[in-house]
C-alpha atoms as a PDB file:
ATOM      1  CA  UNK A   1       9.984  20.281  10.363  1.00  0.00           C
ATOM      2  CA  UNK A   2       9.765  19.368  14.029  1.00  0.00           C
ATOM      3  CA  UNK A   3       6.073  20.144  14.197  1.00  0.00           C
ATOM      4  CA  UNK A   4       5.326  17.981  11.235  1.00  0.00           C
ATOM      5  CA  UNK A   5       7.575  15.045  12.594  1.00  0.00           C
ATOM      6  CA  UNK A   6       5.812  15.024  15.926  1.00  0.00           C
ATOM      7  CA  UNK A   7       2.253  15.776  14.700  1.00  0.00           C
ATOM      8  CA  UNK A   8       2.192  13.642  11.460  1.00  0.00           C
ATOM      9  CA  UNK A   9       5.107  11.303  11.183  1.00  0.00           C
ATOM     10  CA  UNK A  10       5.238   9.775  14.725  1.00  0.00           C
ATOM     11  CA  UNK A  11       1.414   8.822  14.704  1.00  0.00           C
ATOM     12  CA  UNK A  12       1.746   7.483  11.265  1.00  0.00           C
ATOM     13  CA  UNK A  13       4.833   5.493  12.134  1.00  0.00           C
ATOM     14  CA  UNK A  14       3.133   4.075  15.389  1.00  0.00           C
ATOM     15  CA  UNK A  15       0.109   2.999  13.356  1.00  0.00           C
ATOM     16  CA  UNK A  16       2.474   0.961  10.969  1.00  0.00           C
ATOM     17  CA  UNK A  17       3.685  -0.829  14.110  1.00  0.00           C
ATOM     18  CA  UNK A  18       6.891   1.107  14.828  1.00  0.00           C
ATOM     19  CA  UNK A  19       7.681   1.526  18.498  1.00  0.00           C
ATOM     20  CA  UNK A  20       9.615   4.913  18.344  1.00  0.00           C
ATOM     21  CA  UNK A  21      11.674   5.835  21.161  1.00  0.00           C
ATOM     22  CA  UNK A  22      12.656   9.561  22.020  1.00  0.00           C
ATOM     23  CA  UNK A  23      16.105   8.672  20.761  1.00  0.00           C
ATOM     24  CA  UNK A  24      14.683   7.597  17.493  1.00  0.00           C
ATOM     25  CA  UNK A  25      12.838  10.868  17.055  1.00  0.00           C
ATOM     26  CA  UNK A  26      15.912  12.753  18.039  1.00  0.00           C
ATOM     27  CA  UNK A  27      17.943  10.836  15.382  1.00  0.00           C
ATOM     28  CA  UNK A  28      15.256  11.258  12.739  1.00  0.00           C
ATOM     29  CA  UNK A  29      14.892  15.018  13.276  1.00  0.00           C
ATOM     30  CA  UNK A  30      18.690  15.434  13.183  1.00  0.00           C
ATOM     31  CA  UNK A  31      18.997  13.301   9.980  1.00  0.00           C
ATOM     32  CA  UNK A  32      16.032  14.674   8.284  1.00  0.00           C
ATOM     33  CA  UNK A  33      17.234  18.088   8.612  1.00  0.00           C
ATOM     34  CA  UNK A  34      20.124  17.475   6.279  1.00  0.00           C
ATOM     35  CA  UNK A  35      17.719  16.150   3.388  1.00  0.00           C
ATOM     36  CA  UNK A  36      16.320  18.492   0.925  1.00  0.00           C
ATOM     37  CA  UNK A  37      12.602  19.631   2.007  1.00  0.00           C
ATOM     38  CA  UNK A  38      11.117  18.068  -1.206  1.00  0.00           C
ATOM     39  CA  UNK A  39      12.804  14.611  -0.305  1.00  0.00           C
ATOM     40  CA  UNK A  40      11.930  14.470   3.427  1.00  0.00           C
ATOM     41  CA  UNK A  41       8.598  12.690   3.108  1.00  0.00           C
ATOM     42  CA  UNK A  42      10.070  10.195   0.739  1.00  0.00           C
ATOM     43  CA  UNK A  43      12.974   9.460   2.989  1.00  0.00           C
ATOM     44  CA  UNK A  44      10.569   8.909   6.066  1.00  0.00           C
ATOM     45  CA  UNK A  45       8.207   6.651   3.953  1.00  0.00           C
ATOM     46  CA  UNK A  46      11.532   4.612   3.085  1.00  0.00           C
ATOM     47  CA  UNK A  47      12.342   4.629   6.894  1.00  0.00           C
ATOM     48  CA  UNK A  48       8.890   3.099   7.832  1.00  0.00           C
ATOM     49  CA  UNK A  49       9.246   0.615   4.968  1.00  0.00           C
ATOM     50  CA  UNK A  50      12.596  -0.640   5.874  1.00  0.00           C
ATOM     51  CA  UNK A  51      11.780  -0.995   9.520  1.00  0.00           C
ATOM     52  CA  UNK A  52       8.590  -2.957   8.710  1.00  0.00           C
ATOM     53  CA  UNK A  53      10.653  -5.522   6.765  1.00  0.00           C
ATOM     54  CA  UNK A  54      11.744  -6.839  10.053  1.00  0.00           C
ATOM     55  CA  UNK A  55       9.721  -8.562  12.616  1.00  0.00           C
ATOM     56  CA  UNK A  56      12.018  -7.698  15.499  1.00  0.00           C
ATOM     57  CA  UNK A  57      11.677  -3.963  16.477  1.00  0.00           C
ATOM     58  CA  UNK A  58      15.543  -3.548  17.183  1.00  0.00           C
ATOM     59  CA  UNK A  59      16.504  -5.042  13.890  1.00  0.00           C
ATOM     60  CA  UNK A  60      14.006  -2.848  12.165  1.00  0.00           C
ATOM     61  CA  UNK A  61      15.186   0.208  14.032  1.00  0.00           C
ATOM     62  CA  UNK A  62      18.906  -0.522  13.181  1.00  0.00           C
ATOM     63  CA  UNK A  63      18.048  -1.186   9.407  1.00  0.00           C
ATOM     64  CA  UNK A  64      15.854   2.022   9.241  1.00  0.00           C
ATOM     65  CA  UNK A  65      18.464   4.171  10.887  1.00  0.00           C
ATOM     66  CA  UNK A  66      21.159   2.865   8.601  1.00  0.00           C
ATOM     67  CA  UNK A  67      18.921   3.778   5.706  1.00  0.00           C
ATOM     68  CA  UNK A  68      18.674   7.364   6.948  1.00  0.00           C
ATOM     69  CA  UNK A  69      22.438   7.500   7.737  1.00  0.00           C
ATOM     70  CA  UNK A  70      23.190   6.406   4.083  1.00  0.00           C
ATOM     71  CA  UNK A  71      20.855   9.171   2.690  1.00  0.00           C
ATOM     72  CA  UNK A  72      22.608  11.841   4.566  1.00  0.00           C
ATOM     73  CA  UNK A  73      26.280  10.830   3.856  1.00  0.00           C
END
């Protein structure tokens, strides 16, 4: 998963306008590991979609992280 996250997801998210921090990637990797493999891409697409609904990067980051937290709880 780590390879896929860094090699495919990070560039995809950045092309979508997300400014991912190292802490974001750490949180995503930790969270996504708790999601079944067949649902991980869907979860990451949701993450990007939620983030993009906000014009402010920090508000988008907060909402997207909350989305992932809800998925793993």
